[in-house]
Amino acid sequence: MPRKRQTDDYFHCPHCGARVRAGARSCRECGASEDSGWSEDEWNEDAAGYGGDDEFDYDDYLRREFPGHAPPRSAAERRKRLITIIIVVLLCLSFLAWACF
């Protein structure tokens, strides 16, 4: 006997916005559920411990986690990194010169 098709009742997950079938125990996209604090209230990133958008640098995350697939650094970032390397090398050389004399 064929199964009776249920109506397509959905709601949007308050955490990630994915469509979730009514009566589902958790969201398939983010795993949110009643047990983990799933509520009808709008999700607050600060309360969830993720901080705001100002604190997260997605390009930096990609560079650290996926070095071969990260977007190239901007000219300002490359310049800043080069200046930092030059300062560190100069400090090391000055320490060696001071230690030798």
PDB file of N, CA and C in Angstrom:
ATOM      1  N   MET A   1       0.847  -1.171   0.000  1.00  0.00           N
ATOM      2  CA  MET A   1       0.000   0.000   0.000  1.00  0.00           C
ATOM      3  C   MET A   1       0.896   1.238   0.000  1.00  0.00           C
ATOM      4  N   PRO A   2       0.677   2.196  -0.896  1.00  0.00           N
ATOM      5  CA  PRO A   2       1.527   3.388  -0.942  1.00  0.00           C
ATOM      6  C   PRO A   2       1.344   4.243   0.305  1.00  0.00           C
ATOM      7  N   ARG A   3       2.457   4.883   0.652  1.00  0.00           N
ATOM      8  CA  ARG A   3       2.418   5.767   1.828  1.00  0.00           C
ATOM      9  C   ARG A   3       1.632   7.033   1.498  1.00  0.00           C
ATOM     10  N   LYS A   4       0.928   7.506   2.464  1.00  0.00           N
ATOM     11  CA  LYS A   4       0.160   8.729   2.294  1.00  0.00           C
ATOM     12  C   LYS A   4       1.118   9.916   2.372  1.00  0.00           C
ATOM     13  N   ARG A   5       1.065  10.760   1.383  1.00  0.00           N
ATOM     14  CA  ARG A   5       1.977  11.908   1.343  1.00  0.00           C
ATOM     15  C   ARG A   5       1.486  12.988   2.294  1.00  0.00           C
ATOM     16  N   GLN A   6       2.408  13.470   3.119  1.00  0.00           N
ATOM     17  CA  GLN A   6       2.065  14.528   4.053  1.00  0.00           C
ATOM     18  C   GLN A   6       2.065  15.875   3.339  1.00  0.00           C
ATOM     19  N   THR A   7       1.401  16.830   3.932  1.00  0.00           N
ATOM     20  CA  THR A   7       1.409  18.176   3.359  1.00  0.00           C
ATOM     21  C   THR A   7       2.784  18.790   3.567  1.00  0.00           C
ATOM     22  N   ASP A   8       3.152  19.684   2.718  1.00  0.00           N
ATOM     23  CA  ASP A   8       4.470  20.318   2.788  1.00  0.00           C
ATOM     24  C   ASP A   8       4.422  21.527   3.707  1.00  0.00           C
ATOM     25  N   ASP A   9       4.395  21.272   5.001  1.00  0.00           N
ATOM     26  CA  ASP A   9       4.426  22.351   5.983  1.00  0.00           C
ATOM     27  C   ASP A   9       5.862  22.577   6.403  1.00  0.00           C
ATOM     28  N   TYR A  10       6.350  23.782   6.203  1.00  0.00           N
ATOM     29  CA  TYR A  10       7.722  24.128   6.537  1.00  0.00           C
ATOM     30  C   TYR A  10       7.744  25.389   7.385  1.00  0.00           C
ATOM     31  N   PHE A  11       8.827  25.566   8.073  1.00  0.00           N
ATOM     32  CA  PHE A  11       9.114  26.836   8.729  1.00  0.00           C
ATOM     33  C   PHE A  11      10.595  27.104   8.537  1.00  0.00           C
ATOM     34  N   HIS A  12      11.022  28.302   8.814  1.00  0.00           N
ATOM     35  CA  HIS A  12      12.424  28.659   8.641  1.00  0.00           C
ATOM     36  C   HIS A  12      13.147  28.541   9.980  1.00  0.00           C
ATOM     37  N   CYS A  13      14.312  27.914   9.949  1.00  0.00           N
ATOM     38  CA  CYS A  13      15.129  27.750  11.157  1.00  0.00           C
ATOM     39  C   CYS A  13      15.530  29.133  11.674  1.00  0.00           C
ATOM     40  N   PRO A  14      15.325  29.401  12.960  1.00  0.00           N
ATOM     41  CA  PRO A  14      15.691  30.710  13.498  1.00  0.00           C
ATOM     42  C   PRO A  14      17.201  30.928  13.570  1.00  0.00           C
ATOM     43  N   HIS A  15      17.983  29.867  13.430  1.00  0.00           N
ATOM     44  CA  HIS A  15      19.443  29.997  13.492  1.00  0.00           C
ATOM     45  C   HIS A  15      20.058  30.272  12.122  1.00  0.00           C
ATOM     46  N   CYS A  16      19.719  29.439  11.123  1.00  0.00           N
ATOM     47  CA  CYS A  16      20.390  29.577   9.829  1.00  0.00           C
ATOM     48  C   CYS A  16      19.459  29.984   8.695  1.00  0.00           C
ATOM     49  N   GLY A  17      18.147  29.937   8.927  1.00  0.00           N
ATOM     50  CA  GLY A  17      17.192  30.350   7.899  1.00  0.00           C
ATOM     51  C   GLY A  17      16.799  29.255   6.930  1.00  0.00           C
ATOM     52  N   ALA A  18      17.313  28.036   7.108  1.00  0.00           N
ATOM     53  CA  ALA A  18      16.989  26.939   6.199  1.00  0.00           C
ATOM     54  C   ALA A  18      15.539  26.512   6.381  1.00  0.00           C
ATOM     55  N   ARG A  19      14.968  25.916   5.334  1.00  0.00           N
ATOM     56  CA  ARG A  19      13.604  25.399   5.440  1.00  0.00           C
ATOM     57  C   ARG A  19      13.644  24.096   6.228  1.00  0.00           C
ATOM     58  N   VAL A  20      12.774  23.996   7.221  1.00  0.00           N
ATOM     59  CA  VAL A  20      12.700  22.805   8.070  1.00  0.00           C
ATOM     60  C   VAL A  20      11.268  22.296   8.034  1.00  0.00           C
ATOM     61  N   ARG A  21      11.118  21.007   7.803  1.00  0.00           N
ATOM     62  CA  ARG A  21       9.783  20.416   7.761  1.00  0.00           C
ATOM     63  C   ARG A  21       9.142  20.501   9.149  1.00  0.00           C
ATOM     64  N   ALA A  22       7.888  20.872   9.185  1.00  0.00           N
ATOM     65  CA  ALA A  22       7.160  20.965  10.453  1.00  0.00           C
ATOM     66  C   ALA A  22       7.205  19.625  11.159  1.00  0.00           C
ATOM     67  N   GLY A  23       7.496  19.633  12.432  1.00  0.00           N
ATOM     68  CA  GLY A  23       7.574  18.411  13.213  1.00  0.00           C
ATOM     69  C   GLY A  23       8.959  17.795  13.242  1.00  0.00           C
ATOM     70  N   ALA A  24       9.914  18.378  12.512  1.00  0.00           N
ATOM     71  CA  ALA A  24      11.276  17.848  12.519  1.00  0.00           C
ATOM     72  C   ALA A  24      11.896  18.059  13.895  1.00  0.00           C
ATOM     73  N   ARG A  25      12.762  17.136  14.298  1.00  0.00           N
ATOM     74  CA  ARG A  25      13.388  17.233  15.610  1.00  0.00           C
ATOM     75  C   ARG A  25      14.561  18.206  15.608  1.00  0.00           C
ATOM     76  N   SER A  26      15.180  18.412  14.428  1.00  0.00           N
ATOM     77  CA  SER A  26      16.308  19.344  14.332  1.00  0.00           C
ATOM     78  C   SER A  26      16.431  19.850  12.906  1.00  0.00           C
ATOM     79  N   CYS A  27      17.197  20.899  12.742  1.00  0.00           N
ATOM     80  CA  CYS A  27      17.470  21.468  11.418  1.00  0.00           C
ATOM     81  C   CYS A  27      18.559  20.646  10.750  1.00  0.00           C
ATOM     82  N   ARG A  28      18.364  20.251   9.514  1.00  0.00           N
ATOM     83  CA  ARG A  28      19.368  19.462   8.798  1.00  0.00           C
ATOM     84  C   ARG A  28      20.602  20.283   8.426  1.00  0.00           C
ATOM     85  N   GLU A  29      20.455  21.587   8.329  1.00  0.00           N
ATOM     86  CA  GLU A  29      21.569  22.438   7.928  1.00  0.00           C
ATOM     87  C   GLU A  29      22.515  22.760   9.078  1.00  0.00           C
ATOM     88  N   CYS A  30      21.969  23.191  10.212  1.00  0.00           N
ATOM     89  CA  CYS A  30      22.837  23.651  11.306  1.00  0.00           C
ATOM     90  C   CYS A  30      22.741  22.804  12.566  1.00  0.00           C
ATOM     91  N   GLY A  31      21.756  21.889  12.637  1.00  0.00           N
ATOM     92  CA  GLY A  31      21.633  21.023  13.792  1.00  0.00           C
ATOM     93  C   GLY A  31      20.885  21.614  14.966  1.00  0.00           C
ATOM     94  N   ALA A  32      20.345  22.802  14.816  1.00  0.00           N
ATOM     95  CA  ALA A  32      19.601  23.430  15.908  1.00  0.00           C
ATOM     96  C   ALA A  32      18.376  22.588  16.251  1.00  0.00           C
ATOM     97  N   SER A  33      18.024  22.555  17.537  1.00  0.00           N
ATOM     98  CA  SER A  33      16.854  21.801  17.974  1.00  0.00           C
ATOM     99  C   SER A  33      16.287  22.432  19.241  1.00  0.00           C
ATOM    100  N   GLU A  34      15.182  21.901  19.713  1.00  0.00           N
ATOM    101  CA  GLU A  34      14.603  22.387  20.963  1.00  0.00           C
ATOM    102  C   GLU A  34      15.587  22.209  22.111  1.00  0.00           C
ATOM    103  N   ASP A  35      16.306  21.082  22.131  1.00  0.00           N
ATOM    104  CA  ASP A  35      17.255  20.795  23.212  1.00  0.00           C
ATOM    105  C   ASP A  35      18.427  21.777  23.239  1.00  0.00           C
ATOM    106  N   SER A  36      18.811  22.269  22.084  1.00  0.00           N
ATOM    107  CA  SER A  36      19.975  23.167  22.032  1.00  0.00           C
ATOM    108  C   SER A  36      19.591  24.639  22.084  1.00  0.00           C
ATOM    109  N   GLY A  37      18.341  24.909  22.373  1.00  0.00           N
ATOM    110  CA  GLY A  37      17.929  26.302  22.516  1.00  0.00           C
ATOM    111  C   GLY A  37      17.188  26.854  21.327  1.00  0.00           C
ATOM    112  N   TRP A  38      16.632  25.995  20.509  1.00  0.00           N
ATOM    113  CA  TRP A  38      15.862  26.411  19.356  1.00  0.00           C
ATOM    114  C   TRP A  38      14.596  27.068  19.855  1.00  0.00           C
ATOM    115  N   SER A  39      14.351  28.264  19.449  1.00  0.00           N
ATOM    116  CA  SER A  39      13.147  28.948  19.909  1.00  0.00           C
ATOM    117  C   SER A  39      12.569  29.757  18.769  1.00  0.00           C
ATOM    118  N   GLU A  40      11.414  30.292  18.990  1.00  0.00           N
ATOM    119  CA  GLU A  40      10.760  31.125  17.986  1.00  0.00           C
ATOM    120  C   GLU A  40      11.355  32.526  17.944  1.00  0.00           C
ATOM    121  N   ASP A  41      12.130  32.881  18.978  1.00  0.00           N
ATOM    122  CA  ASP A  41      12.743  34.197  19.012  1.00  0.00           C
ATOM    123  C   ASP A  41      13.794  34.313  17.927  1.00  0.00           C
ATOM    124  N   GLU A  42      14.047  35.543  17.503  1.00  0.00           N
ATOM    125  CA  GLU A  42      15.077  35.769  16.510  1.00  0.00           C
ATOM    126  C   GLU A  42      16.446  35.438  17.103  1.00  0.00           C
ATOM    127  N   TRP A  43      17.290  34.807  16.320  1.00  0.00           N
ATOM    128  CA  TRP A  43      18.601  34.365  16.782  1.00  0.00           C
ATOM    129  C   TRP A  43      19.512  35.556  16.990  1.00  0.00           C
ATOM    130  N   ASN A  44      20.193  35.583  18.120  1.00  0.00           N
ATOM    131  CA  ASN A  44      21.098  36.667  18.462  1.00  0.00           C
ATOM    132  C   ASN A  44      22.523  36.127  18.443  1.00  0.00           C
ATOM    133  N   GLU A  45      23.352  36.574  17.492  1.00  0.00           N
ATOM    134  CA  GLU A  45      24.719  36.074  17.365  1.00  0.00           C
ATOM    135  C   GLU A  45      25.538  36.318  18.614  1.00  0.00           C
ATOM    136  N   ASP A  46      25.380  37.490  19.228  1.00  0.00           N
ATOM    137  CA  ASP A  46      26.157  37.799  20.429  1.00  0.00           C
ATOM    138  C   ASP A  46      25.796  36.864  21.571  1.00  0.00           C
ATOM    139  N   ALA A  47      24.517  36.565  21.730  1.00  0.00           N
ATOM    140  CA  ALA A  47      24.088  35.674  22.808  1.00  0.00           C
ATOM    141  C   ALA A  47      24.531  34.247  22.543  1.00  0.00           C
ATOM    142  N   ALA A  48      24.667  33.877  21.279  1.00  0.00           N
ATOM    143  CA  ALA A  48      25.075  32.517  20.936  1.00  0.00           C
ATOM    144  C   ALA A  48      26.581  32.331  21.059  1.00  0.00           C
ATOM    145  N   GLY A  49      27.320  33.399  21.301  1.00  0.00           N
ATOM    146  CA  GLY A  49      28.754  33.286  21.486  1.00  0.00           C
ATOM    147  C   GLY A  49      29.576  33.438  20.221  1.00  0.00           C
ATOM    148  N   TYR A  50      28.943  33.877  19.139  1.00  0.00           N
ATOM    149  CA  TYR A  50      29.666  34.020  17.887  1.00  0.00           C
ATOM    150  C   TYR A  50      30.205  35.423  17.660  1.00  0.00           C
ATOM    151  N   GLY A  51      29.771  36.381  18.436  1.00  0.00           N
ATOM    152  CA  GLY A  51      30.213  37.754  18.235  1.00  0.00           C
ATOM    153  C   GLY A  51      29.557  38.340  17.003  1.00  0.00           C
ATOM    154  N   GLY A  52      29.864  39.572  16.745  1.00  0.00           N
ATOM    155  CA  GLY A  52      29.295  40.233  15.579  1.00  0.00           C
ATOM    156  C   GLY A  52      30.143  40.020  14.344  1.00  0.00           C
ATOM    157  N   ASP A  53      29.677  40.562  13.235  1.00  0.00           N
ATOM    158  CA  ASP A  53      30.417  40.440  11.986  1.00  0.00           C
ATOM    159  C   ASP A  53      31.752  41.172  12.037  1.00  0.00           C
ATOM    160  N   ASP A  54      31.866  42.189  12.895  1.00  0.00           N
ATOM    161  CA  ASP A  54      33.098  42.966  12.967  1.00  0.00           C
ATOM    162  C   ASP A  54      34.275  42.140  13.485  1.00  0.00           C
ATOM    163  N   GLU A  55      34.002  41.098  14.258  1.00  0.00           N
ATOM    164  CA  GLU A  55      35.065  40.329  14.874  1.00  0.00           C
ATOM    165  C   GLU A  55      35.563  39.181  14.010  1.00  0.00           C
ATOM    166  N   PHE A  56      34.870  38.819  12.939  1.00  0.00           N
ATOM    167  CA  PHE A  56      35.222  37.656  12.143  1.00  0.00           C
ATOM    168  C   PHE A  56      35.724  38.083  10.776  1.00  0.00           C
ATOM    169  N   ASP A  57      36.942  37.678  10.435  1.00  0.00           N
ATOM    170  CA  ASP A  57      37.525  37.968   9.135  1.00  0.00           C
ATOM    171  C   ASP A  57      37.493  36.681   8.316  1.00  0.00           C
ATOM    172  N   TYR A  58      36.534  36.585   7.399  1.00  0.00           N
ATOM    173  CA  TYR A  58      36.340  35.364   6.634  1.00  0.00           C
ATOM    174  C   TYR A  58      37.549  35.051   5.758  1.00  0.00           C
ATOM    175  N   ASP A  59      38.156  36.063   5.132  1.00  0.00           N
ATOM    176  CA  ASP A  59      39.330  35.826   4.295  1.00  0.00           C
ATOM    177  C   ASP A  59      40.487  35.273   5.121  1.00  0.00           C
ATOM    178  N   ASP A  60      40.675  35.788   6.330  1.00  0.00           N
ATOM    179  CA  ASP A  60      41.721  35.281   7.211  1.00  0.00           C
ATOM    180  C   ASP A  60      41.441  33.828   7.587  1.00  0.00           C
ATOM    181  N   TYR A  61      40.173  33.524   7.865  1.00  0.00           N
ATOM    182  CA  TYR A  61      39.779  32.149   8.177  1.00  0.00           C
ATOM    183  C   TYR A  61      40.120  31.216   7.009  1.00  0.00           C
ATOM    184  N   LEU A  62      39.789  31.629   5.783  1.00  0.00           N
ATOM    185  CA  LEU A  62      40.085  30.806   4.616  1.00  0.00           C
ATOM    186  C   LEU A  62      41.588  30.596   4.449  1.00  0.00           C
ATOM    187  N   ARG A  63      42.378  31.643   4.683  1.00  0.00           N
ATOM    188  CA  ARG A  63      43.828  31.520   4.549  1.00  0.00           C
ATOM    189  C   ARG A  63      44.400  30.520   5.552  1.00  0.00           C
ATOM    190  N   ARG A  64      43.878  30.556   6.790  1.00  0.00           N
ATOM    191  CA  ARG A  64      44.389  29.648   7.828  1.00  0.00           C
ATOM    192  C   ARG A  64      43.929  28.209   7.605  1.00  0.00           C
ATOM    193  N   GLU A  65      42.659  28.017   7.272  1.00  0.00           N
ATOM    194  CA  GLU A  65      42.096  26.674   7.182  1.00  0.00           C
ATOM    195  C   GLU A  65      42.286  26.013   5.819  1.00  0.00           C
ATOM    196  N   PHE A  66      42.290  26.801   4.754  1.00  0.00           N
ATOM    197  CA  PHE A  66      42.400  26.266   3.405  1.00  0.00           C
ATOM    198  C   PHE A  66      43.427  27.070   2.610  1.00  0.00           C
ATOM    199  N   PRO A  67      44.712  26.911   2.932  1.00  0.00           N
ATOM    200  CA  PRO A  67      45.734  27.767   2.326  1.00  0.00           C
ATOM    201  C   PRO A  67      45.774  27.722   0.799  1.00  0.00           C
ATOM    202  N   GLY A  68      45.477  26.593   0.197  1.00  0.00           N
ATOM    203  CA  GLY A  68      45.534  26.497  -1.259  1.00  0.00           C
ATOM    204  C   GLY A  68      44.344  27.105  -1.964  1.00  0.00           C
ATOM    205  N   HIS A  69      43.273  27.392  -1.236  1.00  0.00           N
ATOM    206  CA  HIS A  69      42.042  27.875  -1.859  1.00  0.00           C
ATOM    207  C   HIS A  69      41.638  29.267  -1.383  1.00  0.00           C
ATOM    208  N   ALA A  70      42.483  29.905  -0.638  1.00  0.00           N
ATOM    209  CA  ALA A  70      42.146  31.219  -0.079  1.00  0.00           C
ATOM    210  C   ALA A  70      42.274  32.313  -1.133  1.00  0.00           C
ATOM    211  N   PRO A  71      41.503  33.381  -0.983  1.00  0.00           N
ATOM    212  CA  PRO A  71      41.636  34.508  -1.903  1.00  0.00           C
ATOM    213  C   PRO A  71      42.990  35.190  -1.700  1.00  0.00           C
ATOM    214  N   PRO A  72      43.516  35.790  -2.749  1.00  0.00           N
ATOM    215  CA  PRO A  72      44.817  36.453  -2.597  1.00  0.00           C
ATOM    216  C   PRO A  72      44.727  37.635  -1.638  1.00  0.00           C
ATOM    217  N   ARG A  73      45.837  37.912  -0.992  1.00  0.00           N
ATOM    218  CA  ARG A  73      45.891  39.032  -0.053  1.00  0.00           C
ATOM    219  C   ARG A  73      45.849  40.351  -0.827  1.00  0.00           C
ATOM    220  N   SER A  74      45.307  41.363  -0.197  1.00  0.00           N
ATOM    221  CA  SER A  74      45.267  42.676  -0.832  1.00  0.00           C
ATOM    222  C   SER A  74      46.663  43.301  -0.769  1.00  0.00           C
ATOM    223  N   ALA A  75      46.872  44.363  -1.532  1.00  0.00           N
ATOM    224  CA  ALA A  75      48.169  45.036  -1.556  1.00  0.00           C
ATOM    225  C   ALA A  75      48.509  45.596  -0.177  1.00  0.00           C
ATOM    226  N   ALA A  76      47.528  46.116   0.534  1.00  0.00           N
ATOM    227  CA  ALA A  76      47.775  46.662   1.870  1.00  0.00           C
ATOM    228  C   ALA A  76      48.193  45.569   2.842  1.00  0.00           C
ATOM    229  N   GLU A  77      47.542  44.400   2.762  1.00  0.00           N
ATOM    230  CA  GLU A  77      47.915  43.286   3.640  1.00  0.00           C
ATOM    231  C   GLU A  77      49.325  42.794   3.346  1.00  0.00           C
ATOM    232  N   ARG A  78      49.679  42.695   2.050  1.00  0.00           N
ATOM    233  CA  ARG A  78      51.040  42.248   1.673  1.00  0.00           C
ATOM    234  C   ARG A  78      52.083  43.248   2.161  1.00  0.00           C
ATOM    235  N   ARG A  79      51.794  44.545   2.013  1.00  0.00           N
ATOM    236  CA  ARG A  79      52.718  45.584   2.456  1.00  0.00           C
ATOM    237  C   ARG A  79      52.909  45.519   3.974  1.00  0.00           C
ATOM    238  N   LYS A  80      51.827  45.360   4.702  1.00  0.00           N
ATOM    239  CA  LYS A  80      51.897  45.271   6.156  1.00  0.00           C
ATOM    240  C   LYS A  80      52.715  44.053   6.589  1.00  0.00           C
ATOM    241  N   ARG A  81      52.509  42.936   5.930  1.00  0.00           N
ATOM    242  CA  ARG A  81      53.267  41.720   6.254  1.00  0.00           C
ATOM    243  C   ARG A  81      54.748  41.897   5.934  1.00  0.00           C
ATOM    244  N   LEU A  82      55.063  42.522   4.808  1.00  0.00           N
ATOM    245  CA  LEU A  82      56.462  42.764   4.432  1.00  0.00           C
ATOM    246  C   LEU A  82      57.142  43.673   5.446  1.00  0.00           C
ATOM    247  N   ILE A  83      56.470  44.724   5.864  1.00  0.00           N
ATOM    248  CA  ILE A  83      57.041  45.646   6.860  1.00  0.00           C
ATOM    249  C   ILE A  83      57.289  44.911   8.170  1.00  0.00           C
ATOM    250  N   THR A  84      56.366  44.059   8.580  1.00  0.00           N
ATOM    251  CA  THR A  84      56.548  43.284   9.809  1.00  0.00           C
ATOM    252  C   THR A  84      57.757  42.370   9.709  1.00  0.00           C
ATOM    253  N   ILE A  85      57.924  41.711   8.582  1.00  0.00           N
ATOM    254  CA  ILE A  85      59.079  40.817   8.390  1.00  0.00           C
ATOM    255  C   ILE A  85      60.375  41.603   8.418  1.00  0.00           C
ATOM    256  N   ILE A  86      60.403  42.762   7.764  1.00  0.00           N
ATOM    257  CA  ILE A  86      61.613  43.588   7.754  1.00  0.00           C
ATOM    258  C   ILE A  86      61.964  44.039   9.172  1.00  0.00           C
ATOM    259  N   ILE A  87      60.981  44.455   9.939  1.00  0.00           N
ATOM    260  CA  ILE A  87      61.236  44.899  11.321  1.00  0.00           C
ATOM    261  C   ILE A  87      61.785  43.755  12.160  1.00  0.00           C
ATOM    262  N   VAL A  88      61.216  42.571  12.027  1.00  0.00           N
ATOM    263  CA  VAL A  88      61.705  41.423  12.796  1.00  0.00           C
ATOM    264  C   VAL A  88      63.133  41.086  12.417  1.00  0.00           C
ATOM    265  N   VAL A  89      63.455  41.093  11.128  1.00  0.00           N
ATOM    266  CA  VAL A  89      64.826  40.798  10.676  1.00  0.00           C
ATOM    267  C   VAL A  89      65.792  41.852  11.205  1.00  0.00           C
ATOM    268  N   LEU A  90      65.426  43.124  11.134  1.00  0.00           N
ATOM    269  CA  LEU A  90      66.302  44.185  11.639  1.00  0.00           C
ATOM    270  C   LEU A  90      66.521  44.063  13.148  1.00  0.00           C
ATOM    271  N   LEU A  91      65.491  43.729  13.886  1.00  0.00           N
ATOM    272  CA  LEU A  91      65.640  43.530  15.324  1.00  0.00           C
ATOM    273  C   LEU A  91      66.573  42.357  15.634  1.00  0.00           C
ATOM    274  N   CYS A  92      66.440  41.274  14.887  1.00  0.00           N
ATOM    275  CA  CYS A  92      67.324  40.123  15.089  1.00  0.00           C
ATOM    276  C   CYS A  92      68.771  40.485  14.767  1.00  0.00           C
ATOM    277  N   LEU A  93      68.986  41.200  13.663  1.00  0.00           N
ATOM    278  CA  LEU A  93      70.336  41.590  13.288  1.00  0.00           C
ATOM    279  C   LEU A  93      70.938  42.544  14.318  1.00  0.00           C
ATOM    280  N   SER A  94      70.157  43.495  14.824  1.00  0.00           N
ATOM    281  CA  SER A  94      70.671  44.405  15.820  1.00  0.00           C
ATOM    282  C   SER A  94      71.002  43.675  17.130  1.00  0.00           C
ATOM    283  N   PHE A  95      70.198  42.698  17.484  1.00  0.00           N
ATOM    284  CA  PHE A  95      70.508  41.914  18.688  1.00  0.00           C
ATOM    285  C   PHE A  95      71.790  41.120  18.493  1.00  0.00           C
ATOM    286  N   LEU A  96      71.962  40.518  17.315  1.00  0.00           N
ATOM    287  CA  LEU A  96      73.197  39.767  17.057  1.00  0.00           C
ATOM    288  C   LEU A  96      74.421  40.691  17.061  1.00  0.00           C
ATOM    289  N   ALA A  97      74.271  41.865  16.479  1.00  0.00           N
ATOM    290  CA  ALA A  97      75.396  42.816  16.462  1.00  0.00           C
ATOM    291  C   ALA A  97      75.735  43.263  17.890  1.00  0.00           C
ATOM    292  N   TRP A  98      74.730  43.498  18.706  1.00  0.00           N
ATOM    293  CA  TRP A  98      74.949  43.893  20.107  1.00  0.00           C
ATOM    294  C   TRP A  98      75.594  42.756  20.897  1.00  0.00           C
ATOM    295  N   ALA A  99      75.163  41.519  20.645  1.00  0.00           N
ATOM    296  CA  ALA A  99      75.680  40.360  21.386  1.00  0.00           C
ATOM    297  C   ALA A  99      77.131  40.052  20.988  1.00  0.00           C
ATOM    298  N   CYS A 100      77.525  40.325  19.762  1.00  0.00           N
ATOM    299  CA  CYS A 100      78.881  40.015  19.301  1.00  0.00           C
ATOM    300  C   CYS A 100      79.900  41.043  19.783  1.00  0.00           C
ATOM    301  N   PHE A 101      79.495  42.248  20.086  1.00  0.00           N
ATOM    302  CA  PHE A 101      80.456  43.283  20.488  1.00  0.00           C
ATOM    303  C   PHE A 101      80.438  43.557  21.936  1.00  0.00           C
TER     304      PHE A 101
END
